[in-house]
Amino acid sequence: MNKKNQKQKENAAIFNVLFCGTGGQGVLTAAEIAALAAMHSGHHVKKSEVHGMAQRGGSVESHLRFGKRIFSPLIRPGTADFLVCFDANEGRRMSFYLRKGGTSLLPFLVDPATQPTDKRFVNTYFLGVLSAFLPIPNGAWTTALTGKLKRSVKENLNAFEEGKTAGLHSMAPLSRRKG
């Protein structure tokens, strides 16, 4: 397949990304940054979040869908392309959303060899891992990160790049699906 056809195929694909964790881990911020990055790169974006008792350490999830045209913000069980979890228990609990052949970032969370250097920036680290597999250019991620974050921007950008490097070296490319 030539580069033009590959680009058209990527532009037609719909990507479903489920973020999950507990209150205070930056789940909603990470989902917002990913949504902004997708918008900055020209995708149509829908996002939804659930955060019942988040302030007390309860479950938090955010559904992100983007592509050429999106009608619903919610990901149906068994259709998530990516599961980005900041808490191992929540990642396991929400795994039924992952499609067959989808990718969970849970192994990055539980493997000491793939941990971020600075634990304070785990959410931007996981955004970096995720970015290695999405058709969103680095510039869009940088714009989203610097626009959303008010503190420690340089450190967050470093954590993002560290995560992207880990994602590029540790995971096999995914096959994209249309629809």
N, C-alpha and C. Protein backbone atom coordinates (compact mmCIF):
# COMPACT_ATOMS: atom_id res chain seq x y z
N MET A 1 0.85 -1.17 0.00
CA MET A 1 0.00 0.00 0.00
C MET A 1 0.90 1.23 0.00
N ASN A 2 0.63 2.20 -0.91
CA ASN A 2 1.46 3.39 -0.95
C ASN A 2 1.11 4.34 0.20
N LYS A 3 1.95 5.36 0.41
CA LYS A 3 1.78 6.27 1.54
C LYS A 3 0.46 7.03 1.48
N LYS A 4 0.03 7.42 0.27
CA LYS A 4 -1.23 8.15 0.13
C LYS A 4 -2.41 7.28 0.56
N ASN A 5 -2.44 6.04 0.11
CA ASN A 5 -3.53 5.12 0.49
C ASN A 5 -3.50 4.82 1.98
N GLN A 6 -2.30 4.67 2.56
CA GLN A 6 -2.17 4.41 4.00
C GLN A 6 -2.72 5.61 4.79
N LYS A 7 -2.40 6.83 4.36
CA LYS A 7 -2.87 8.04 5.04
C LYS A 7 -4.39 8.12 4.95
N GLN A 8 -4.98 7.80 3.80
CA GLN A 8 -6.43 7.82 3.64
C GLN A 8 -7.08 6.78 4.55
N LYS A 9 -6.48 5.62 4.68
CA LYS A 9 -7.00 4.56 5.55
C LYS A 9 -6.96 5.01 7.01
N GLU A 10 -5.86 5.62 7.43
CA GLU A 10 -5.76 6.12 8.80
C GLU A 10 -6.78 7.21 9.05
N ASN A 11 -7.00 8.10 8.07
CA ASN A 11 -7.97 9.18 8.23
C ASN A 11 -9.39 8.65 8.35
N ALA A 12 -9.70 7.51 7.75
CA ALA A 12 -11.04 6.93 7.80
C ALA A 12 -11.26 6.11 9.06
N ALA A 13 -10.21 5.71 9.73
CA ALA A 13 -10.32 4.87 10.92
C ALA A 13 -10.92 5.65 12.08
N ILE A 14 -11.60 4.92 12.93
CA ILE A 14 -12.10 5.48 14.18
C ILE A 14 -11.29 4.83 15.29
N PHE A 15 -10.82 5.65 16.20
CA PHE A 15 -10.01 5.17 17.32
C PHE A 15 -10.80 5.33 18.60
N ASN A 16 -10.84 4.26 19.40
CA ASN A 16 -11.53 4.23 20.68
C ASN A 16 -10.50 4.03 21.77
N VAL A 17 -10.39 5.01 22.67
CA VAL A 17 -9.40 4.95 23.74
C VAL A 17 -10.13 5.12 25.07
N LEU A 18 -9.98 4.14 25.94
CA LEU A 18 -10.59 4.21 27.26
C LEU A 18 -9.50 4.46 28.30
N PHE A 19 -9.65 5.54 29.05
CA PHE A 19 -8.75 5.89 30.15
C PHE A 19 -9.44 5.49 31.44
N CYS A 20 -8.70 4.88 32.37
CA CYS A 20 -9.31 4.54 33.66
C CYS A 20 -8.28 4.60 34.77
N GLY A 21 -8.77 4.79 35.97
CA GLY A 21 -7.92 4.86 37.15
C GLY A 21 -8.78 5.25 38.34
N THR A 22 -8.15 5.90 39.30
CA THR A 22 -8.87 6.38 40.47
C THR A 22 -8.67 7.88 40.60
N GLY A 23 -9.49 8.48 41.44
CA GLY A 23 -9.44 9.92 41.63
C GLY A 23 -8.05 10.40 42.02
N GLY A 24 -7.63 11.49 41.41
CA GLY A 24 -6.34 12.10 41.74
C GLY A 24 -5.18 11.62 40.91
N GLN A 25 -5.40 10.69 39.98
CA GLN A 25 -4.30 10.16 39.17
C GLN A 25 -4.10 10.89 37.86
N GLY A 26 -4.96 11.82 37.54
CA GLY A 26 -4.82 12.56 36.29
C GLY A 26 -5.49 11.90 35.11
N VAL A 27 -6.46 11.03 35.35
CA VAL A 27 -7.16 10.33 34.27
C VAL A 27 -7.88 11.33 33.37
N LEU A 28 -8.64 12.24 33.98
CA LEU A 28 -9.43 13.19 33.19
C LEU A 28 -8.54 14.17 32.44
N THR A 29 -7.45 14.58 33.07
CA THR A 29 -6.50 15.49 32.41
C THR A 29 -5.86 14.80 31.21
N ALA A 30 -5.45 13.56 31.38
CA ALA A 30 -4.83 12.82 30.28
C ALA A 30 -5.80 12.66 29.12
N ALA A 31 -7.05 12.33 29.41
CA ALA A 31 -8.05 12.17 28.35
C ALA A 31 -8.30 13.50 27.65
N GLU A 32 -8.33 14.58 28.40
CA GLU A 32 -8.54 15.90 27.81
C GLU A 32 -7.37 16.28 26.89
N ILE A 33 -6.16 16.00 27.31
CA ILE A 33 -4.99 16.30 26.48
C ILE A 33 -5.02 15.46 25.19
N ALA A 34 -5.36 14.18 25.31
CA ALA A 34 -5.44 13.33 24.11
C ALA A 34 -6.53 13.83 23.17
N ALA A 35 -7.66 14.27 23.72
CA ALA A 35 -8.74 14.81 22.88
C ALA A 35 -8.29 16.08 22.18
N LEU A 36 -7.61 16.95 22.89
CA LEU A 36 -7.10 18.19 22.28
C LEU A 36 -6.08 17.89 21.18
N ALA A 37 -5.20 16.94 21.44
CA ALA A 37 -4.19 16.58 20.44
C ALA A 37 -4.87 16.04 19.17
N ALA A 38 -5.90 15.21 19.35
CA ALA A 38 -6.63 14.68 18.19
C ALA A 38 -7.32 15.82 17.43
N MET A 39 -7.91 16.77 18.15
CA MET A 39 -8.55 17.91 17.50
C MET A 39 -7.52 18.76 16.75
N HIS A 40 -6.38 19.01 17.38
CA HIS A 40 -5.33 19.81 16.74
C HIS A 40 -4.81 19.15 15.47
N SER A 41 -4.97 17.84 15.36
CA SER A 41 -4.49 17.15 14.16
C SER A 41 -5.62 16.95 13.14
N GLY A 42 -6.78 17.55 13.37
CA GLY A 42 -7.85 17.55 12.39
C GLY A 42 -8.90 16.47 12.52
N HIS A 43 -8.87 15.71 13.60
CA HIS A 43 -9.86 14.65 13.80
C HIS A 43 -11.13 15.21 14.44
N HIS A 44 -12.24 14.56 14.16
CA HIS A 44 -13.49 14.82 14.85
C HIS A 44 -13.42 14.05 16.16
N VAL A 45 -13.76 14.68 17.28
CA VAL A 45 -13.54 14.10 18.60
C VAL A 45 -14.79 14.14 19.44
N LYS A 46 -15.02 13.06 20.18
CA LYS A 46 -16.07 13.00 21.21
C LYS A 46 -15.43 12.40 22.46
N LYS A 47 -15.81 12.95 23.62
CA LYS A 47 -15.24 12.48 24.88
C LYS A 47 -16.34 12.48 25.94
N SER A 48 -16.28 11.51 26.81
CA SER A 48 -17.22 11.42 27.92
C SER A 48 -16.46 10.94 29.15
N GLU A 49 -16.95 11.29 30.33
CA GLU A 49 -16.26 10.86 31.54
C GLU A 49 -17.24 10.47 32.63
N VAL A 50 -16.77 9.58 33.48
CA VAL A 50 -17.53 9.13 34.65
C VAL A 50 -16.60 9.25 35.84
N HIS A 51 -17.01 10.01 36.83
CA HIS A 51 -16.16 10.18 38.01
C HIS A 51 -17.01 10.36 39.26
N GLY A 52 -17.69 9.30 39.64
CA GLY A 52 -18.56 9.31 40.80
C GLY A 52 -17.90 9.80 42.07
N MET A 53 -17.18 8.96 42.75
CA MET A 53 -16.54 9.30 44.02
C MET A 53 -15.05 9.58 43.81
N ALA A 54 -14.72 10.21 42.72
CA ALA A 54 -13.32 10.42 42.34
C ALA A 54 -12.53 11.16 43.41
N GLN A 55 -13.15 12.14 44.06
CA GLN A 55 -12.42 12.91 45.06
C GLN A 55 -12.03 12.07 46.27
N ARG A 56 -12.66 10.94 46.44
CA ARG A 56 -12.34 10.04 47.55
C ARG A 56 -11.58 8.81 47.07
N GLY A 57 -10.94 8.90 45.93
CA GLY A 57 -10.14 7.79 45.43
C GLY A 57 -10.94 6.74 44.68
N GLY A 58 -12.18 7.07 44.32
CA GLY A 58 -13.03 6.13 43.61
C GLY A 58 -12.67 6.01 42.14
N SER A 59 -13.41 5.20 41.43
CA SER A 59 -13.16 4.92 40.01
C SER A 59 -13.40 6.16 39.15
N VAL A 60 -12.54 6.30 38.15
CA VAL A 60 -12.67 7.36 37.17
C VAL A 60 -12.43 6.73 35.80
N GLU A 61 -13.28 7.06 34.85
CA GLU A 61 -13.05 6.59 33.48
C GLU A 61 -13.42 7.69 32.51
N SER A 62 -12.74 7.70 31.39
CA SER A 62 -13.04 8.66 30.34
C SER A 62 -12.95 7.95 29.00
N HIS A 63 -14.00 8.10 28.22
CA HIS A 63 -14.08 7.50 26.89
C HIS A 63 -13.67 8.57 25.88
N LEU A 64 -12.78 8.22 24.98
CA LEU A 64 -12.35 9.13 23.92
C LEU A 64 -12.48 8.41 22.59
N ARG A 65 -13.20 9.04 21.66
CA ARG A 65 -13.35 8.49 20.32
C ARG A 65 -12.99 9.59 19.34
N PHE A 66 -12.19 9.24 18.33
CA PHE A 66 -11.87 10.24 17.32
C PHE A 66 -11.65 9.57 15.97
N GLY A 67 -11.84 10.35 14.94
CA GLY A 67 -11.69 9.88 13.57
C GLY A 67 -12.29 10.89 12.63
N LYS A 68 -12.70 10.41 11.45
CA LYS A 68 -13.26 11.33 10.45
C LYS A 68 -14.60 11.89 10.90
N ARG A 69 -15.48 11.03 11.41
CA ARG A 69 -16.80 11.46 11.88
C ARG A 69 -17.23 10.55 13.01
N ILE A 70 -17.51 11.15 14.17
CA ILE A 70 -17.89 10.41 15.36
C ILE A 70 -19.28 10.88 15.79
N PHE A 71 -20.16 9.93 16.12
CA PHE A 71 -21.52 10.28 16.50
C PHE A 71 -21.78 10.12 17.99
N SER A 72 -21.08 9.24 18.65
CA SER A 72 -21.31 8.98 20.08
C SER A 72 -19.99 9.02 20.83
N PRO A 73 -19.99 9.58 22.04
CA PRO A 73 -18.76 9.62 22.82
C PRO A 73 -18.46 8.32 23.56
N LEU A 74 -19.42 7.43 23.65
CA LEU A 74 -19.25 6.23 24.46
C LEU A 74 -18.69 5.06 23.67
N ILE A 75 -17.78 4.35 24.29
CA ILE A 75 -17.19 3.16 23.70
C ILE A 75 -18.02 1.96 24.17
N ARG A 76 -18.44 1.16 23.24
CA ARG A 76 -19.18 -0.06 23.59
C ARG A 76 -18.20 -1.11 24.11
N PRO A 77 -18.63 -1.93 25.07
CA PRO A 77 -17.76 -3.02 25.53
C PRO A 77 -17.28 -3.86 24.35
N GLY A 78 -16.01 -4.23 24.41
CA GLY A 78 -15.41 -5.05 23.36
C GLY A 78 -14.97 -4.29 22.13
N THR A 79 -14.95 -2.96 22.19
CA THR A 79 -14.58 -2.18 21.00
C THR A 79 -13.44 -1.19 21.23
N ALA A 80 -12.90 -1.11 22.43
CA ALA A 80 -11.81 -0.16 22.69
C ALA A 80 -10.53 -0.64 22.01
N ASP A 81 -9.89 0.25 21.30
CA ASP A 81 -8.61 -0.06 20.67
C ASP A 81 -7.48 -0.02 21.70
N PHE A 82 -7.63 0.88 22.67
CA PHE A 82 -6.61 1.07 23.70
C PHE A 82 -7.26 1.19 25.06
N LEU A 83 -6.64 0.57 26.04
CA LEU A 83 -7.03 0.73 27.43
C LEU A 83 -5.83 1.36 28.15
N VAL A 84 -6.00 2.60 28.55
CA VAL A 84 -4.94 3.35 29.23
C VAL A 84 -5.32 3.41 30.70
N CYS A 85 -4.66 2.60 31.52
CA CYS A 85 -5.03 2.52 32.93
C CYS A 85 -3.90 3.03 33.81
N PHE A 86 -4.29 3.77 34.82
CA PHE A 86 -3.35 4.31 35.79
C PHE A 86 -3.39 3.56 37.11
N ASP A 87 -4.28 2.58 37.20
CA ASP A 87 -4.42 1.75 38.38
C ASP A 87 -4.64 0.32 37.90
N ALA A 88 -3.85 -0.62 38.42
CA ALA A 88 -3.91 -2.01 37.94
C ALA A 88 -5.28 -2.64 38.17
N ASN A 89 -5.88 -2.41 39.33
CA ASN A 89 -7.20 -2.99 39.59
C ASN A 89 -8.26 -2.44 38.64
N GLU A 90 -8.22 -1.13 38.40
CA GLU A 90 -9.17 -0.52 37.47
C GLU A 90 -8.92 -1.02 36.05
N GLY A 91 -7.67 -1.20 35.69
CA GLY A 91 -7.34 -1.73 34.36
C GLY A 91 -7.91 -3.12 34.16
N ARG A 92 -7.77 -3.96 35.16
CA ARG A 92 -8.33 -5.31 35.06
C ARG A 92 -9.86 -5.27 35.03
N ARG A 93 -10.44 -4.41 35.86
CA ARG A 93 -11.90 -4.30 35.93
C ARG A 93 -12.50 -3.81 34.62
N MET A 94 -11.81 -2.92 33.92
CA MET A 94 -12.33 -2.32 32.69
C MET A 94 -11.88 -3.06 31.43
N SER A 95 -11.17 -4.16 31.59
CA SER A 95 -10.61 -4.87 30.42
C SER A 95 -11.67 -5.42 29.47
N PHE A 96 -12.90 -5.58 29.93
CA PHE A 96 -13.95 -6.09 29.04
C PHE A 96 -14.28 -5.08 27.93
N TYR A 97 -13.83 -3.85 28.06
CA TYR A 97 -14.03 -2.87 27.00
C TYR A 97 -13.08 -3.08 25.82
N LEU A 98 -11.96 -3.72 26.07
CA LEU A 98 -10.92 -3.88 25.05
C LEU A 98 -11.38 -4.85 23.96
N ARG A 99 -11.18 -4.47 22.72
CA ARG A 99 -11.53 -5.34 21.61
C ARG A 99 -10.47 -6.43 21.47
N LYS A 100 -10.84 -7.50 20.81
CA LYS A 100 -9.87 -8.54 20.50
C LYS A 100 -8.80 -7.92 19.61
N GLY A 101 -7.55 -8.06 20.00
CA GLY A 101 -6.45 -7.45 19.26
C GLY A 101 -6.15 -6.03 19.70
N GLY A 102 -6.94 -5.49 20.63
CA GLY A 102 -6.68 -4.15 21.16
C GLY A 102 -5.47 -4.18 22.08
N THR A 103 -5.07 -3.01 22.53
CA THR A 103 -3.87 -2.91 23.36
C THR A 103 -4.17 -2.30 24.71
N SER A 104 -3.78 -3.01 25.76
CA SER A 104 -3.86 -2.50 27.12
C SER A 104 -2.48 -1.99 27.52
N LEU A 105 -2.45 -0.85 28.16
CA LEU A 105 -1.18 -0.33 28.68
C LEU A 105 -0.91 -0.83 30.09
N LEU A 106 -1.73 -1.76 30.57
CA LEU A 106 -1.54 -2.35 31.90
C LEU A 106 -0.14 -2.94 32.07
N PRO A 107 0.43 -3.63 31.07
CA PRO A 107 1.79 -4.15 31.26
C PRO A 107 2.82 -3.06 31.59
N PHE A 108 2.62 -1.86 31.05
CA PHE A 108 3.54 -0.76 31.36
C PHE A 108 3.39 -0.34 32.82
N LEU A 109 2.19 -0.49 33.35
CA LEU A 109 1.91 -0.08 34.73
C LEU A 109 2.50 -1.05 35.73
N VAL A 110 2.49 -2.34 35.43
CA VAL A 110 2.92 -3.34 36.40
C VAL A 110 4.36 -3.82 36.22
N ASP A 111 4.98 -3.51 35.10
CA ASP A 111 6.36 -3.94 34.84
C ASP A 111 7.34 -2.86 35.31
N PRO A 112 8.16 -3.16 36.30
CA PRO A 112 9.11 -2.16 36.80
C PRO A 112 10.06 -1.61 35.73
N ALA A 113 10.30 -2.38 34.69
CA ALA A 113 11.22 -1.95 33.63
C ALA A 113 10.60 -0.88 32.74
N THR A 114 9.28 -0.72 32.77
CA THR A 114 8.62 0.26 31.91
C THR A 114 7.94 1.37 32.70
N GLN A 115 8.48 1.67 33.86
CA GLN A 115 7.93 2.73 34.70
C GLN A 115 8.57 4.07 34.33
N PRO A 116 7.82 5.16 34.47
CA PRO A 116 8.41 6.48 34.22
C PRO A 116 9.49 6.79 35.25
N THR A 117 10.46 7.58 34.84
CA THR A 117 11.53 7.98 35.74
C THR A 117 10.98 8.74 36.94
N ASP A 118 10.04 9.66 36.69
CA ASP A 118 9.44 10.48 37.74
C ASP A 118 7.96 10.12 37.87
N LYS A 119 7.57 9.52 38.97
CA LYS A 119 6.20 9.02 39.17
C LYS A 119 5.16 10.14 39.19
N ARG A 120 5.58 11.38 39.41
CA ARG A 120 4.62 12.49 39.43
C ARG A 120 4.01 12.75 38.06
N PHE A 121 4.65 12.25 37.00
CA PHE A 121 4.20 12.54 35.65
C PHE A 121 3.75 11.27 34.93
N VAL A 122 3.17 10.34 35.69
CA VAL A 122 2.77 9.05 35.11
C VAL A 122 1.71 9.24 34.02
N ASN A 123 0.80 10.20 34.19
CA ASN A 123 -0.24 10.35 33.17
C ASN A 123 0.34 10.86 31.85
N THR A 124 1.29 11.79 31.89
CA THR A 124 1.88 12.24 30.63
C THR A 124 2.82 11.19 30.05
N TYR A 125 3.42 10.38 30.90
CA TYR A 125 4.23 9.26 30.43
C TYR A 125 3.36 8.29 29.61
N PHE A 126 2.18 7.94 30.15
CA PHE A 126 1.27 7.03 29.44
C PHE A 126 0.70 7.66 28.18
N LEU A 127 0.52 8.98 28.17
CA LEU A 127 0.13 9.64 26.93
C LEU A 127 1.22 9.47 25.87
N GLY A 128 2.47 9.55 26.31
CA GLY A 128 3.59 9.33 25.39
C GLY A 128 3.57 7.91 24.82
N VAL A 129 3.35 6.92 25.68
CA VAL A 129 3.26 5.53 25.21
C VAL A 129 2.14 5.43 24.18
N LEU A 130 0.98 5.96 24.51
CA LEU A 130 -0.18 5.92 23.62
C LEU A 130 0.12 6.61 22.30
N SER A 131 0.82 7.73 22.36
CA SER A 131 1.08 8.53 21.15
C SER A 131 1.88 7.77 20.09
N ALA A 132 2.63 6.77 20.53
CA ALA A 132 3.44 6.00 19.59
C ALA A 132 2.58 5.24 18.57
N PHE A 133 1.28 5.09 18.85
CA PHE A 133 0.42 4.26 18.01
C PHE A 133 -0.78 4.99 17.43
N LEU A 134 -0.83 6.28 17.62
CA LEU A 134 -1.96 7.04 17.10
C LEU A 134 -1.52 7.96 15.98
N PRO A 135 -2.40 8.22 15.01
CA PRO A 135 -2.06 9.09 13.89
C PRO A 135 -2.19 10.57 14.26
N ILE A 136 -1.49 10.93 15.31
CA ILE A 136 -1.49 12.31 15.78
C ILE A 136 -0.04 12.77 15.80
N PRO A 137 0.29 13.82 15.05
CA PRO A 137 1.69 14.27 15.00
C PRO A 137 2.17 14.82 16.34
N ASN A 138 3.47 14.74 16.53
CA ASN A 138 4.08 15.20 17.78
C ASN A 138 3.74 16.66 18.08
N GLY A 139 3.68 17.49 17.06
CA GLY A 139 3.35 18.91 17.27
C GLY A 139 1.99 19.11 17.90
N ALA A 140 1.01 18.28 17.51
CA ALA A 140 -0.34 18.38 18.08
C ALA A 140 -0.31 17.98 19.56
N TRP A 141 0.48 16.96 19.88
CA TRP A 141 0.61 16.56 21.29
C TRP A 141 1.26 17.68 22.10
N THR A 142 2.31 18.28 21.57
CA THR A 142 3.01 19.36 22.27
C THR A 142 2.07 20.54 22.50
N THR A 143 1.31 20.91 21.47
CA THR A 143 0.35 22.01 21.61
C THR A 143 -0.68 21.70 22.68
N ALA A 144 -1.20 20.48 22.67
CA ALA A 144 -2.21 20.09 23.67
C ALA A 144 -1.62 20.09 25.08
N LEU A 145 -0.43 19.52 25.22
CA LEU A 145 0.20 19.45 26.54
C LEU A 145 0.49 20.85 27.09
N THR A 146 1.11 21.70 26.28
CA THR A 146 1.48 23.04 26.76
C THR A 146 0.26 23.92 26.97
N GLY A 147 -0.81 23.69 26.21
CA GLY A 147 -2.03 24.47 26.38
C GLY A 147 -2.83 24.08 27.60
N LYS A 148 -2.79 22.82 27.97
CA LYS A 148 -3.60 22.32 29.09
C LYS A 148 -2.88 22.41 30.43
N LEU A 149 -1.58 22.16 30.42
CA LEU A 149 -0.83 22.12 31.68
C LEU A 149 -0.33 23.50 32.05
N LYS A 150 -0.48 23.85 33.29
CA LYS A 150 -0.05 25.17 33.76
C LYS A 150 1.25 25.12 34.55
N ARG A 151 1.56 23.94 35.09
CA ARG A 151 2.78 23.79 35.90
C ARG A 151 3.63 22.67 35.35
N SER A 152 4.90 22.75 35.62
CA SER A 152 5.85 21.68 35.29
C SER A 152 5.76 21.25 33.83
N VAL A 153 5.61 22.20 32.93
CA VAL A 153 5.43 21.88 31.52
C VAL A 153 6.65 21.15 30.97
N LYS A 154 7.83 21.64 31.27
CA LYS A 154 9.05 21.00 30.76
C LYS A 154 9.16 19.56 31.25
N GLU A 155 8.89 19.33 32.52
CA GLU A 155 8.97 17.98 33.09
C GLU A 155 7.92 17.06 32.46
N ASN A 156 6.71 17.59 32.22
CA ASN A 156 5.67 16.80 31.57
C ASN A 156 6.05 16.45 30.14
N LEU A 157 6.64 17.40 29.42
CA LEU A 157 7.08 17.11 28.05
C LEU A 157 8.18 16.05 28.05
N ASN A 158 9.07 16.11 29.03
CA ASN A 158 10.11 15.08 29.15
C ASN A 158 9.50 13.71 29.43
N ALA A 159 8.51 13.65 30.33
CA ALA A 159 7.84 12.38 30.64
C ALA A 159 7.11 11.85 29.42
N PHE A 160 6.48 12.74 28.65
CA PHE A 160 5.79 12.35 27.42
C PHE A 160 6.77 11.70 26.45
N GLU A 161 7.92 12.33 26.23
CA GLU A 161 8.93 11.79 25.30
C GLU A 161 9.48 10.46 25.81
N GLU A 162 9.68 10.35 27.11
CA GLU A 162 10.13 9.09 27.70
C GLU A 162 9.12 7.97 27.43
N GLY A 163 7.83 8.29 27.61
CA GLY A 163 6.77 7.32 27.34
C GLY A 163 6.68 6.95 25.87
N LYS A 164 6.83 7.95 25.01
CA LYS A 164 6.78 7.67 23.57
C LYS A 164 7.91 6.72 23.17
N THR A 165 9.10 6.96 23.70
CA THR A 165 10.23 6.08 23.42
C THR A 165 9.94 4.66 23.90
N ALA A 166 9.38 4.54 25.11
CA ALA A 166 9.03 3.22 25.64
C ALA A 166 7.98 2.55 24.76
N GLY A 167 7.00 3.31 24.30
CA GLY A 167 5.95 2.75 23.44
C GLY A 167 6.51 2.27 22.11
N LEU A 168 7.40 3.04 21.54
CA LEU A 168 7.98 2.66 20.25
C LEU A 168 8.86 1.42 20.36
N HIS A 169 9.50 1.23 21.51
CA HIS A 169 10.42 0.10 21.68
C HIS A 169 9.78 -1.15 22.27
N SER A 170 8.62 -1.02 22.89
CA SER A 170 8.08 -2.15 23.64
C SER A 170 6.83 -2.79 23.07
N MET A 171 6.19 -2.15 22.11
CA MET A 171 4.92 -2.66 21.63
C MET A 171 4.95 -2.82 20.12
N ALA A 172 4.28 -3.86 19.64
CA ALA A 172 4.16 -4.09 18.20
C ALA A 172 3.08 -3.18 17.63
N PRO A 173 3.24 -2.71 16.40
CA PRO A 173 2.19 -1.87 15.79
C PRO A 173 0.86 -2.61 15.72
N LEU A 174 -0.18 -1.85 15.84
CA LEU A 174 -1.53 -2.42 15.78
C LEU A 174 -2.06 -2.36 14.36
N SER A 175 -2.94 -3.27 14.07
CA SER A 175 -3.68 -3.14 12.81
C SER A 175 -4.83 -2.20 13.09
N ARG A 176 -5.05 -1.29 12.18
CA ARG A 176 -6.13 -0.30 12.34
C ARG A 176 -7.42 -0.88 11.78
N ARG A 177 -8.51 -0.48 12.38
CA ARG A 177 -9.79 -0.96 11.89
C ARG A 177 -10.66 0.23 11.49
N LYS A 178 -11.53 0.01 10.59
CA LYS A 178 -12.44 1.04 10.11
C LYS A 178 -13.81 0.75 10.69
N GLY A 179 -14.53 1.81 11.09
CA GLY A 179 -15.91 1.63 11.53
C GLY A 179 -16.15 1.78 12.94
